[in-house]
Structures are given as C-alpha cells and as structure tokens.
PDB file of N, CA and C in Angstrom:
ATOM      1  N   MET A   1      10.063   7.622 -16.281  1.00  0.00           N
ATOM      2  CA  MET A   1       9.867   6.519 -15.365  1.00  0.00           C
ATOM      3  C   MET A   1       8.836   5.557 -15.951  1.00  0.00           C
ATOM      4  N   ASP A   2       9.168   4.299 -15.944  1.00  0.00           N
ATOM      5  CA  ASP A   2       8.278   3.263 -16.447  1.00  0.00           C
ATOM      6  C   ASP A   2       7.526   2.652 -15.267  1.00  0.00           C
ATOM      7  N   THR A   3       6.236   2.980 -15.143  1.00  0.00           N
ATOM      8  CA  THR A   3       5.455   2.527 -13.986  1.00  0.00           C
ATOM      9  C   THR A   3       5.134   1.033 -14.027  1.00  0.00           C
ATOM     10  N   THR A   4       5.461   0.351 -15.106  1.00  0.00           N
ATOM     11  CA  THR A   4       5.277  -1.102 -15.131  1.00  0.00           C
ATOM     12  C   THR A   4       6.474  -1.815 -14.518  1.00  0.00           C
ATOM     13  N   LYS A   5       7.524  -1.069 -14.177  1.00  0.00           N
ATOM     14  CA  LYS A   5       8.726  -1.668 -13.591  1.00  0.00           C
ATOM     15  C   LYS A   5       8.887  -1.344 -12.108  1.00  0.00           C
ATOM     16  N   LYS A   6       7.897  -0.660 -11.541  1.00  0.00           N
ATOM     17  CA  LYS A   6       7.875  -0.406 -10.098  1.00  0.00           C
ATOM     18  C   LYS A   6       6.615  -1.055  -9.536  1.00  0.00           C
ATOM     19  N   PHE A   7       6.729  -1.577  -8.320  1.00  0.00           N
ATOM     20  CA  PHE A   7       5.638  -2.330  -7.721  1.00  0.00           C
ATOM     21  C   PHE A   7       5.351  -1.847  -6.308  1.00  0.00           C
ATOM     22  N   LEU A   8       4.082  -1.952  -5.905  1.00  0.00           N
ATOM     23  CA  LEU A   8       3.645  -1.628  -4.555  1.00  0.00           C
ATOM     24  C   LEU A   8       3.233  -2.926  -3.867  1.00  0.00           C
ATOM     25  N   TYR A   9       3.776  -3.163  -2.686  1.00  0.00           N
ATOM     26  CA  TYR A   9       3.593  -4.417  -1.957  1.00  0.00           C
ATOM     27  C   TYR A   9       2.864  -4.155  -0.650  1.00  0.00           C
ATOM     28  N   VAL A  10       1.940  -5.034  -0.315  1.00  0.00           N
ATOM     29  CA  VAL A  10       1.254  -4.980   0.979  1.00  0.00           C
ATOM     30  C   VAL A  10       1.099  -6.404   1.503  1.00  0.00           C
ATOM     31  N   ASN A  11       1.265  -6.551   2.820  1.00  0.00           N
ATOM     32  CA  ASN A  11       1.079  -7.855   3.457  1.00  0.00           C
ATOM     33  C   ASN A  11       0.252  -7.657   4.725  1.00  0.00           C
ATOM     34  N   PRO A  12      -1.013  -8.093   4.700  1.00  0.00           N
ATOM     35  CA  PRO A  12      -1.858  -7.923   5.885  1.00  0.00           C
ATOM     36  C   PRO A  12      -1.672  -8.997   6.955  1.00  0.00           C
ATOM     37  N   ASP A  13      -0.852 -10.014   6.703  1.00  0.00           N
ATOM     38  CA  ASP A  13      -0.669 -11.114   7.653  1.00  0.00           C
ATOM     39  C   ASP A  13       0.302 -10.682   8.750  1.00  0.00           C
ATOM     40  N   SER A  14      -0.185 -10.614   9.981  1.00  0.00           N
ATOM     41  CA  SER A  14       0.637 -10.126  11.088  1.00  0.00           C
ATOM     42  C   SER A  14       1.486 -11.217  11.741  1.00  0.00           C
ATOM     43  N   THR A  15       1.414 -12.443  11.253  1.00  0.00           N
ATOM     44  CA  THR A  15       2.244 -13.518  11.786  1.00  0.00           C
ATOM     45  C   THR A  15       3.663 -13.351  11.253  1.00  0.00           C
ATOM     46  N   ALA A  16       4.636 -13.337  12.146  1.00  0.00           N
ATOM     47  CA  ALA A  16       6.027 -13.126  11.753  1.00  0.00           C
ATOM     48  C   ALA A  16       6.446 -14.105  10.656  1.00  0.00           C
ATOM     49  N   GLY A  17       7.002 -13.578   9.582  1.00  0.00           N
ATOM     50  CA  GLY A  17       7.504 -14.406   8.494  1.00  0.00           C
ATOM     51  C   GLY A  17       6.460 -14.885   7.503  1.00  0.00           C
ATOM     52  N   GLU A  18       5.189 -14.639   7.759  1.00  0.00           N
ATOM     53  CA  GLU A  18       4.131 -15.096   6.852  1.00  0.00           C
ATOM     54  C   GLU A  18       3.854 -14.054   5.765  1.00  0.00           C
ATOM     55  N   PHE A  19       3.565 -14.551   4.569  1.00  0.00           N
ATOM     56  CA  PHE A  19       3.284 -13.644   3.460  1.00  0.00           C
ATOM     57  C   PHE A  19       2.282 -14.235   2.471  1.00  0.00           C
ATOM     58  N   ASP A  20       1.541 -15.269   2.883  1.00  0.00           N
ATOM     59  CA  ASP A  20       0.648 -15.956   1.947  1.00  0.00           C
ATOM     60  C   ASP A  20      -0.567 -15.126   1.549  1.00  0.00           C
ATOM     61  N   THR A  21      -0.860 -14.037   2.250  1.00  0.00           N
ATOM     62  CA  THR A  21      -1.966 -13.158   1.852  1.00  0.00           C
ATOM     63  C   THR A  21      -1.449 -11.840   1.270  1.00  0.00           C
ATOM     64  N   SER A  22      -0.145 -11.779   1.031  1.00  0.00           N
ATOM     65  CA  SER A  22       0.434 -10.543   0.504  1.00  0.00           C
ATOM     66  C   SER A  22       0.016 -10.325  -0.952  1.00  0.00           C
ATOM     67  N   ARG A  23       0.066  -9.073  -1.347  1.00  0.00           N
ATOM     68  CA  ARG A  23      -0.279  -8.694  -2.725  1.00  0.00           C
ATOM     69  C   ARG A  23       0.772  -7.716  -3.240  1.00  0.00           C
ATOM     70  N   MET A  24       1.053  -7.798  -4.535  1.00  0.00           N
ATOM     71  CA  MET A  24       1.953  -6.863  -5.174  1.00  0.00           C
ATOM     72  C   MET A  24       1.318  -6.398  -6.476  1.00  0.00           C
ATOM     73  N   PHE A  25       1.319  -5.088  -6.679  1.00  0.00           N
ATOM     74  CA  PHE A  25       0.700  -4.494  -7.856  1.00  0.00           C
ATOM     75  C   PHE A  25       1.710  -3.610  -8.574  1.00  0.00           C
ATOM     76  N   PRO A  26       1.698  -3.626  -9.907  1.00  0.00           N
ATOM     77  CA  PRO A  26       2.521  -2.637 -10.602  1.00  0.00           C
ATOM     78  C   PRO A  26       1.961  -1.240 -10.329  1.00  0.00           C
ATOM     79  N   VAL A  27       2.834  -0.263 -10.214  1.00  0.00           N
ATOM     80  CA  VAL A  27       2.398   1.111  -9.980  1.00  0.00           C
ATOM     81  C   VAL A  27       1.413   1.543 -11.065  1.00  0.00           C
ATOM     82  N   SER A  28       1.582   1.028 -12.263  1.00  0.00           N
ATOM     83  CA  SER A  28       0.696   1.402 -13.378  1.00  0.00           C
ATOM     84  C   SER A  28      -0.754   0.991 -13.136  1.00  0.00           C
ATOM     85  N   SER A  29      -1.005   0.068 -12.194  1.00  0.00           N
ATOM     86  CA  SER A  29      -2.376  -0.361 -11.915  1.00  0.00           C
ATOM     87  C   SER A  29      -3.038   0.450 -10.801  1.00  0.00           C
ATOM     88  N   LEU A  30      -2.318   1.411 -10.232  1.00  0.00           N
ATOM     89  CA  LEU A  30      -2.875   2.252  -9.170  1.00  0.00           C
ATOM     90  C   LEU A  30      -3.859   3.244  -9.787  1.00  0.00           C
ATOM     91  N   ASN A  31      -5.139   3.098  -9.427  1.00  0.00           N
ATOM     92  CA  ASN A  31      -6.186   3.982  -9.963  1.00  0.00           C
ATOM     93  C   ASN A  31      -6.424   5.208  -9.099  1.00  0.00           C
ATOM     94  N   GLY A  32      -6.107   5.131  -7.818  1.00  0.00           N
ATOM     95  CA  GLY A  32      -6.333   6.281  -6.958  1.00  0.00           C
ATOM     96  C   GLY A  32      -5.906   6.032  -5.533  1.00  0.00           C
ATOM     97  N   VAL A  33      -5.697   7.136  -4.811  1.00  0.00           N
ATOM     98  CA  VAL A  33      -5.353   7.106  -3.391  1.00  0.00           C
ATOM     99  C   VAL A  33      -6.261   8.115  -2.703  1.00  0.00           C
ATOM    100  N   GLN A  34      -6.831   7.710  -1.565  1.00  0.00           N
ATOM    101  CA  GLN A  34      -7.744   8.591  -0.845  1.00  0.00           C
ATOM    102  C   GLN A  34      -7.409   8.590   0.637  1.00  0.00           C
ATOM    103  N   GLU A  35      -7.252   9.788   1.190  1.00  0.00           N
ATOM    104  CA  GLU A  35      -7.138   9.932   2.632  1.00  0.00           C
ATOM    105  C   GLU A  35      -8.567   9.954   3.168  1.00  0.00           C
ATOM    106  N   VAL A  36      -9.004   8.844   3.749  1.00  0.00           N
ATOM    107  CA  VAL A  36     -10.393   8.666   4.147  1.00  0.00           C
ATOM    108  C   VAL A  36     -10.723   9.450   5.409  1.00  0.00           C
ATOM    109  N   ASP A  37      -9.841   9.380   6.386  1.00  0.00           N
ATOM    110  CA  ASP A  37     -10.005  10.132   7.628  1.00  0.00           C
ATOM    111  C   ASP A  37      -8.616  10.352   8.228  1.00  0.00           C
ATOM    112  N   ALA A  38      -8.554  10.734   9.484  1.00  0.00           N
ATOM    113  CA  ALA A  38      -7.272  11.093  10.106  1.00  0.00           C
ATOM    114  C   ALA A  38      -6.278   9.933  10.171  1.00  0.00           C
ATOM    115  N   THR A  39      -6.772   8.688  10.075  1.00  0.00           N
ATOM    116  CA  THR A  39      -5.864   7.540  10.225  1.00  0.00           C
ATOM    117  C   THR A  39      -5.958   6.517   9.103  1.00  0.00           C
ATOM    118  N   SER A  40      -6.701   6.783   8.059  1.00  0.00           N
ATOM    119  CA  SER A  40      -6.912   5.783   7.013  1.00  0.00           C
ATOM    120  C   SER A  40      -6.582   6.329   5.622  1.00  0.00           C
ATOM    121  N   VAL A  41      -5.735   5.581   4.908  1.00  0.00           N
ATOM    122  CA  VAL A  41      -5.432   5.884   3.517  1.00  0.00           C
ATOM    123  C   VAL A  41      -5.799   4.650   2.696  1.00  0.00           C
ATOM    124  N   LYS A  42      -6.643   4.855   1.684  1.00  0.00           N
ATOM    125  CA  LYS A  42      -7.069   3.745   0.832  1.00  0.00           C
ATOM    126  C   LYS A  42      -6.477   3.886  -0.567  1.00  0.00           C
ATOM    127  N   PHE A  43      -6.106   2.731  -1.112  1.00  0.00           N
ATOM    128  CA  PHE A  43      -5.563   2.634  -2.458  1.00  0.00           C
ATOM    129  C   PHE A  43      -6.504   1.790  -3.299  1.00  0.00           C
ATOM    130  N   ALA A  44      -6.762   2.212  -4.524  1.00  0.00           N
ATOM    131  CA  ALA A  44      -7.585   1.435  -5.456  1.00  0.00           C
ATOM    132  C   ALA A  44      -6.685   0.967  -6.596  1.00  0.00           C
ATOM    133  N   PHE A  45      -6.672  -0.349  -6.820  1.00  0.00           N
ATOM    134  CA  PHE A  45      -5.847  -0.936  -7.864  1.00  0.00           C
ATOM    135  C   PHE A  45      -6.704  -1.679  -8.876  1.00  0.00           C
ATOM    136  N   LYS A  46      -6.416  -1.499 -10.138  1.00  0.00           N
ATOM    137  CA  LYS A  46      -6.988  -2.342 -11.193  1.00  0.00           C
ATOM    138  C   LYS A  46      -6.352  -3.697 -10.984  1.00  0.00           C
ATOM    139  N   ASP A  47      -7.171  -4.699 -10.749  1.00  0.00           N
ATOM    140  CA  ASP A  47      -6.676  -6.035 -10.424  1.00  0.00           C
ATOM    141  C   ASP A  47      -7.032  -6.981 -11.553  1.00  0.00           C
ATOM    142  N   GLN A  48      -6.034  -7.637 -12.109  1.00  0.00           N
ATOM    143  CA  GLN A  48      -6.253  -8.557 -13.224  1.00  0.00           C
ATOM    144  C   GLN A  48      -7.314  -9.585 -12.893  1.00  0.00           C
ATOM    145  N   GLY A  49      -8.264  -9.740 -13.778  1.00  0.00           N
ATOM    146  CA  GLY A  49      -9.306 -10.742 -13.603  1.00  0.00           C
ATOM    147  C   GLY A  49     -10.471 -10.279 -12.741  1.00  0.00           C
ATOM    148  N   GLN A  50     -10.425  -9.052 -12.233  1.00  0.00           N
ATOM    149  CA  GLN A  50     -11.502  -8.534 -11.397  1.00  0.00           C
ATOM    150  C   GLN A  50     -12.190  -7.378 -12.121  1.00  0.00           C
ATOM    151  N   ALA A  51     -13.499  -7.346 -12.054  1.00  0.00           N
ATOM    152  CA  ALA A  51     -14.246  -6.253 -12.686  1.00  0.00           C
ATOM    153  C   ALA A  51     -14.101  -4.962 -11.887  1.00  0.00           C
ATOM    154  N   ASP A  52     -14.056  -5.078 -10.551  1.00  0.00           N
ATOM    155  CA  ASP A  52     -13.940  -3.910  -9.674  1.00  0.00           C
ATOM    156  C   ASP A  52     -12.517  -3.795  -9.139  1.00  0.00           C
ATOM    157  N   ASP A  53     -12.176  -2.593  -8.697  1.00  0.00           N
ATOM    158  CA  ASP A  53     -10.855  -2.364  -8.118  1.00  0.00           C
ATOM    159  C   ASP A  53     -10.678  -3.145  -6.823  1.00  0.00           C
ATOM    160  N   THR A  54      -9.436  -3.529  -6.557  1.00  0.00           N
ATOM    161  CA  THR A  54      -9.059  -4.078  -5.257  1.00  0.00           C
ATOM    162  C   THR A  54      -8.648  -2.898  -4.386  1.00  0.00           C
ATOM    163  N   ILE A  55      -9.159  -2.876  -3.148  1.00  0.00           N
ATOM    164  CA  ILE A  55      -8.922  -1.758  -2.234  1.00  0.00           C
ATOM    165  C   ILE A  55      -7.986  -2.204  -1.112  1.00  0.00           C
ATOM    166  N   ILE A  56      -6.952  -1.412  -0.904  1.00  0.00           N
ATOM    167  CA  ILE A  56      -6.015  -1.627   0.196  1.00  0.00           C
ATOM    168  C   ILE A  56      -6.223  -0.478   1.178  1.00  0.00           C
ATOM    169  N   ASP A  57      -6.428  -0.797   2.450  1.00  0.00           N
ATOM    170  CA  ASP A  57      -6.617   0.222   3.482  1.00  0.00           C
ATOM    171  C   ASP A  57      -5.454   0.127   4.466  1.00  0.00           C
ATOM    172  N   VAL A  58      -4.676   1.196   4.544  1.00  0.00           N
ATOM    173  CA  VAL A  58      -3.514   1.253   5.434  1.00  0.00           C
ATOM    174  C   VAL A  58      -3.804   2.268   6.544  1.00  0.00           C
ATOM    175  N   THR A  59      -3.530   1.875   7.778  1.00  0.00           N
ATOM    176  CA  THR A  59      -3.702   2.784   8.916  1.00  0.00           C
ATOM    177  C   THR A  59      -2.406   3.559   9.123  1.00  0.00           C
ATOM    178  N   VAL A  60      -2.554   4.878   9.227  1.00  0.00           N
ATOM    179  CA  VAL A  60      -1.399   5.744   9.456  1.00  0.00           C
ATOM    180  C   VAL A  60      -1.571   6.455  10.797  1.00  0.00           C
ATOM    181  N   ASN A  61      -0.486   7.008  11.299  1.00  0.00           N
ATOM    182  CA  ASN A  61      -0.565   7.797  12.530  1.00  0.00           C
ATOM    183  C   ASN A  61      -1.499   8.972  12.305  1.00  0.00           C
ATOM    184  N   SER A  62      -2.245   9.344  13.336  1.00  0.00           N
ATOM    185  CA  SER A  62      -3.271  10.367  13.215  1.00  0.00           C
ATOM    186  C   SER A  62      -2.734  11.654  12.588  1.00  0.00           C
ATOM    187  N   GLY A  63      -3.418  12.094  11.542  1.00  0.00           N
ATOM    188  CA  GLY A  63      -3.064  13.327  10.858  1.00  0.00           C
ATOM    189  C   GLY A  63      -1.915  13.216   9.879  1.00  0.00           C
ATOM    190  N   LYS A  64      -1.434  12.003   9.621  1.00  0.00           N
ATOM    191  CA  LYS A  64      -0.266  11.814   8.765  1.00  0.00           C
ATOM    192  C   LYS A  64      -0.595  11.285   7.372  1.00  0.00           C
ATOM    193  N   GLY A  65      -1.870  11.240   7.012  1.00  0.00           N
ATOM    194  CA  GLY A  65      -2.262  10.704   5.702  1.00  0.00           C
ATOM    195  C   GLY A  65      -1.642  11.457   4.546  1.00  0.00           C
ATOM    196  N   LYS A  66      -1.710  12.774   4.576  1.00  0.00           N
ATOM    197  CA  LYS A  66      -1.158  13.587   3.491  1.00  0.00           C
ATOM    198  C   LYS A  66       0.358  13.384   3.375  1.00  0.00           C
ATOM    199  N   ALA A  67       1.052  13.362   4.500  1.00  0.00           N
ATOM    200  CA  ALA A  67       2.501  13.148   4.495  1.00  0.00           C
ATOM    201  C   ALA A  67       2.841  11.769   3.929  1.00  0.00           C
ATOM    202  N   TYR A  68       2.054  10.757   4.303  1.00  0.00           N
ATOM    203  CA  TYR A  68       2.257   9.391   3.807  1.00  0.00           C
ATOM    204  C   TYR A  68       2.091   9.345   2.287  1.00  0.00           C
ATOM    205  N   ILE A  69       1.050   9.978   1.778  1.00  0.00           N
ATOM    206  CA  ILE A  69       0.806   9.987   0.331  1.00  0.00           C
ATOM    207  C   ILE A  69       1.917  10.736  -0.388  1.00  0.00           C
ATOM    208  N   LYS A  70       2.329  11.872   0.154  1.00  0.00           N
ATOM    209  CA  LYS A  70       3.414  12.647  -0.465  1.00  0.00           C
ATOM    210  C   LYS A  70       4.699  11.835  -0.499  1.00  0.00           C
ATOM    211  N   GLU A  71       4.993  11.154   0.592  1.00  0.00           N
ATOM    212  CA  GLU A  71       6.189  10.314   0.670  1.00  0.00           C
ATOM    213  C   GLU A  71       6.119   9.175  -0.356  1.00  0.00           C
ATOM    214  N   LEU A  72       4.917   8.624  -0.561  1.00  0.00           N
ATOM    215  CA  LEU A  72       4.743   7.570  -1.556  1.00  0.00           C
ATOM    216  C   LEU A  72       5.028   8.088  -2.964  1.00  0.00           C
ATOM    217  N   VAL A  73       4.501   9.253  -3.292  1.00  0.00           N
ATOM    218  CA  VAL A  73       4.740   9.833  -4.619  1.00  0.00           C
ATOM    219  C   VAL A  73       6.238  10.038  -4.838  1.00  0.00           C
ATOM    220  N   GLU A  74       6.921  10.515  -3.823  1.00  0.00           N
ATOM    221  CA  GLU A  74       8.369  10.702  -3.935  1.00  0.00           C
ATOM    222  C   GLU A  74       9.083   9.371  -4.121  1.00  0.00           C
ATOM    223  N   ALA A  75       8.633   8.334  -3.414  1.00  0.00           N
ATOM    224  CA  ALA A  75       9.241   7.008  -3.564  1.00  0.00           C
ATOM    225  C   ALA A  75       9.002   6.448  -4.967  1.00  0.00           C
ATOM    226  N   ILE A  76       7.807   6.626  -5.473  1.00  0.00           N
ATOM    227  CA  ILE A  76       7.508   6.149  -6.836  1.00  0.00           C
ATOM    228  C   ILE A  76       8.383   6.861  -7.851  1.00  0.00           C
ATOM    229  N   ASN A  77       8.502   8.167  -7.709  1.00  0.00           N
ATOM    230  CA  ASN A  77       9.234   8.954  -8.697  1.00  0.00           C
ATOM    231  C   ASN A  77      10.746   8.880  -8.579  1.00  0.00           C
ATOM    232  N   PHE A  78      11.265   8.731  -7.350  1.00  0.00           N
ATOM    233  CA  PHE A  78      12.699   8.896  -7.183  1.00  0.00           C
ATOM    234  C   PHE A  78      13.442   7.733  -6.538  1.00  0.00           C
ATOM    235  N   ALA A  79      12.751   6.813  -5.876  1.00  0.00           N
ATOM    236  CA  ALA A  79      13.433   5.698  -5.207  1.00  0.00           C
ATOM    237  C   ALA A  79      14.048   4.758  -6.237  1.00  0.00           C
ATOM    238  N   LYS A  80      15.188   4.210  -5.888  1.00  0.00           N
ATOM    239  CA  LYS A  80      15.889   3.304  -6.800  1.00  0.00           C
ATOM    240  C   LYS A  80      15.312   1.888  -6.781  1.00  0.00           C
ATOM    241  N   GLN A  81      14.718   1.488  -5.644  1.00  0.00           N
ATOM    242  CA  GLN A  81      14.215   0.116  -5.545  1.00  0.00           C
ATOM    243  C   GLN A  81      12.960  -0.071  -6.398  1.00  0.00           C
ATOM    244  N   ALA A  82      12.804  -1.279  -6.907  1.00  0.00           N
ATOM    245  CA  ALA A  82      11.660  -1.599  -7.767  1.00  0.00           C
ATOM    246  C   ALA A  82      10.400  -1.892  -6.961  1.00  0.00           C
ATOM    247  N   VAL A  83      10.549  -2.338  -5.707  1.00  0.00           N
ATOM    248  CA  VAL A  83       9.400  -2.678  -4.866  1.00  0.00           C
ATOM    249  C   VAL A  83       9.320  -1.694  -3.700  1.00  0.00           C
ATOM    250  N   ILE A  84       8.147  -1.069  -3.578  1.00  0.00           N
ATOM    251  CA  ILE A  84       7.879  -0.136  -2.489  1.00  0.00           C
ATOM    252  C   ILE A  84       6.886  -0.815  -1.550  1.00  0.00           C
ATOM    253  N   VAL A  85       7.252  -0.963  -0.294  1.00  0.00           N
ATOM    254  CA  VAL A  85       6.407  -1.637   0.686  1.00  0.00           C
ATOM    255  C   VAL A  85       5.446  -0.621   1.296  1.00  0.00           C
ATOM    256  N   LEU A  86       4.148  -0.735   0.931  1.00  0.00           N
ATOM    257  CA  LEU A  86       3.126   0.133   1.532  1.00  0.00           C
ATOM    258  C   LEU A  86       3.009  -0.162   3.012  1.00  0.00           C
ATOM    259  N   ALA A  87       2.860  -1.446   3.350  1.00  0.00           N
ATOM    260  CA  ALA A  87       2.776  -1.896   4.739  1.00  0.00           C
ATOM    261  C   ALA A  87       2.917  -3.408   4.762  1.00  0.00           C
ATOM    262  N   ASP A  88       3.823  -3.901   5.587  1.00  0.00           N
ATOM    263  CA  ASP A  88       4.014  -5.343   5.767  1.00  0.00           C
ATOM    264  C   ASP A  88       3.813  -5.642   7.246  1.00  0.00           C
ATOM    265  N   ALA A  89       2.650  -6.190   7.583  1.00  0.00           N
ATOM    266  CA  ALA A  89       2.298  -6.444   8.982  1.00  0.00           C
ATOM    267  C   ALA A  89       3.135  -7.560   9.601  1.00  0.00           C
ATOM    268  N   SER A  90       3.719  -8.448   8.793  1.00  0.00           N
ATOM    269  CA  SER A  90       4.478  -9.569   9.353  1.00  0.00           C
ATOM    270  C   SER A  90       5.768  -9.118  10.028  1.00  0.00           C
ATOM    271  N   ASP A  91       6.359  -8.053   9.522  1.00  0.00           N
ATOM    272  CA  ASP A  91       7.575  -7.546  10.158  1.00  0.00           C
ATOM    273  C   ASP A  91       7.494  -6.039  10.451  1.00  0.00           C
ATOM    274  N   GLU A  92       6.292  -5.498  10.309  1.00  0.00           N
ATOM    275  CA  GLU A  92       6.010  -4.091  10.594  1.00  0.00           C
ATOM    276  C   GLU A  92       6.981  -3.146   9.881  1.00  0.00           C
ATOM    277  N   THR A  93       7.082  -3.350   8.558  1.00  0.00           N
ATOM    278  CA  THR A  93       7.918  -2.472   7.743  1.00  0.00           C
ATOM    279  C   THR A  93       7.067  -1.736   6.727  1.00  0.00           C
ATOM    280  N   SER A  94       7.573  -0.589   6.329  1.00  0.00           N
ATOM    281  CA  SER A  94       6.923   0.239   5.327  1.00  0.00           C
ATOM    282  C   SER A  94       7.959   1.222   4.788  1.00  0.00           C
ATOM    283  N   PHE A  95       7.689   1.760   3.619  1.00  0.00           N
ATOM    284  CA  PHE A  95       8.552   2.815   3.093  1.00  0.00           C
ATOM    285  C   PHE A  95       8.457   4.058   3.978  1.00  0.00           C
ATOM    286  N   SER A  96       7.408   4.156   4.785  1.00  0.00           N
ATOM    287  CA  SER A  96       7.137   5.336   5.605  1.00  0.00           C
ATOM    288  C   SER A  96       7.050   4.972   7.081  1.00  0.00           C
ATOM    289  N   SER A  97       7.588   5.845   7.913  1.00  0.00           N
ATOM    290  CA  SER A  97       7.481   5.637   9.367  1.00  0.00           C
ATOM    291  C   SER A  97       6.113   6.067   9.891  1.00  0.00           C
ATOM    292  N   ASP A  98       5.242   6.584   9.012  1.00  0.00           N
ATOM    293  CA  ASP A  98       3.916   7.041   9.418  1.00  0.00           C
ATOM    294  C   ASP A  98       2.869   5.928   9.482  1.00  0.00           C
ATOM    295  N   VAL A  99       3.211   4.698   9.096  1.00  0.00           N
ATOM    296  CA  VAL A  99       2.250   3.595   9.173  1.00  0.00           C
ATOM    297  C   VAL A  99       2.091   3.184  10.629  1.00  0.00           C
ATOM    298  N   ASN A 100       0.843   2.977  11.036  1.00  0.00           N
ATOM    299  CA  ASN A 100       0.526   2.550  12.394  1.00  0.00           C
ATOM    300  C   ASN A 100       0.119   1.080  12.334  1.00  0.00           C
ATOM    301  N   PHE A 101       0.960   0.210  12.860  1.00  0.00           N
ATOM    302  CA  PHE A 101       0.683  -1.224  12.792  1.00  0.00           C
ATOM    303  C   PHE A 101      -0.199  -1.710  13.935  1.00  0.00           C
ATOM    304  N   GLY A 102      -0.787  -0.785  14.709  1.00  0.00           N
ATOM    305  CA  GLY A 102      -1.774  -1.167  15.710  1.00  0.00           C
ATOM    306  C   GLY A 102      -3.007  -1.756  15.041  1.00  0.00           C
ATOM    307  N   SER A 103      -3.249  -1.377  13.784  1.00  0.00           N
ATOM    308  CA  SER A 103      -4.292  -1.964  12.942  1.00  0.00           C
ATOM    309  C   SER A 103      -3.619  -2.463  11.675  1.00  0.00           C
ATOM    310  N   ILE A 104      -3.819  -3.724  11.379  1.00  0.00           N
ATOM    311  CA  ILE A 104      -3.161  -4.279  10.197  1.00  0.00           C
ATOM    312  C   ILE A 104      -3.827  -3.757   8.920  1.00  0.00           C
ATOM    313  N   PRO A 105      -3.076  -3.672   7.825  1.00  0.00           N
ATOM    314  CA  PRO A 105      -3.691  -3.248   6.568  1.00  0.00           C
ATOM    315  C   PRO A 105      -4.729  -4.269   6.127  1.00  0.00           C
ATOM    316  N   THR A 106      -5.740  -3.801   5.419  1.00  0.00           N
ATOM    317  CA  THR A 106      -6.760  -4.714   4.904  1.00  0.00           C
ATOM    318  C   THR A 106      -6.739  -4.710   3.386  1.00  0.00           C
ATOM    319  N   VAL A 107      -7.098  -5.848   2.816  1.00  0.00           N
ATOM    320  CA  VAL A 107      -7.175  -6.026   1.371  1.00  0.00           C
ATOM    321  C   VAL A 107      -8.593  -6.481   1.047  1.00  0.00           C
ATOM    322  N   THR A 108      -9.289  -5.712   0.231  1.00  0.00           N
ATOM    323  CA  THR A 108     -10.623  -6.093  -0.228  1.00  0.00           C
ATOM    324  C   THR A 108     -10.530  -6.301  -1.729  1.00  0.00           C
ATOM    325  N   VAL A 109     -10.544  -7.567  -2.119  1.00  0.00           N
ATOM    326  CA  VAL A 109     -10.382  -7.914  -3.532  1.00  0.00           C
ATOM    327  C   VAL A 109     -11.644  -7.558  -4.296  1.00  0.00           C
ATOM    328  N   GLY A 110     -11.453  -6.906  -5.448  1.00  0.00           N
ATOM    329  CA  GLY A 110     -12.586  -6.546  -6.305  1.00  0.00           C
ATOM    330  C   GLY A 110     -13.322  -7.792  -6.770  1.00  0.00           C
ATOM    331  N   SER A 111     -14.573  -7.616  -7.152  1.00  0.00           N
ATOM    332  CA  SER A 111     -15.368  -8.779  -7.581  1.00  0.00           C
ATOM    333  C   SER A 111     -15.377  -8.895  -9.085  1.00  0.00           C
TER     334      SER A 111
END
C-alpha cells in the first residue's frame, strides 16, 4: 500500500455545503493517533510549512475511541477509496458511525 496515494479529510465547518476550512492530509503524514478520553480522538499530522504537527480532534461516541481507531486502520489498509473522511461537520459524514457530531471536529494548525 502506498500511503502517499491515500488521504484523510476533515471539515470542521458545520454550515451545510461549506468546506473552506477543510483539510486533507496524505496518510503518510500521519504521525500519531491518541485516544485522549472517552469521547476524544486526536490525530497529529506533519503539515507542510509548519514546524509543529497540526492536531485534529474528533469527538466520538462515549467509549468508542478504540473502535474508531481500529476502523480507521482497516479503512487505510483495505478500503478502495483514496479519500477517507475522518469527520465532515457540514454534512455529518464519516467513514465511521462512531463520530459524534454534537461537537464539531477541531483543527489546530502547527506553528
């Protein structure tokens, strides 16, 4: 599997049809995934032009962080599509049904 040909997409904009704050990263830039607590999964991405990692925080249903991460690994390794949607708040879609859109995903760009 060539991780430069698969991408992870996130859109924190909850306005229907809006995507101007969305971000897409090649899977090869994923530095780590952390289940922070019962409802938070954070992703660290090497971001071009930034000295520090960009952090994406996705809210999942309580206690579903491990399942969400496992499902992501399976999608990266076996899904046919090139783009995997971590969380898109504009239309409340994700590769996983475990995302909780009661809290929109956050993007903290590295400095």
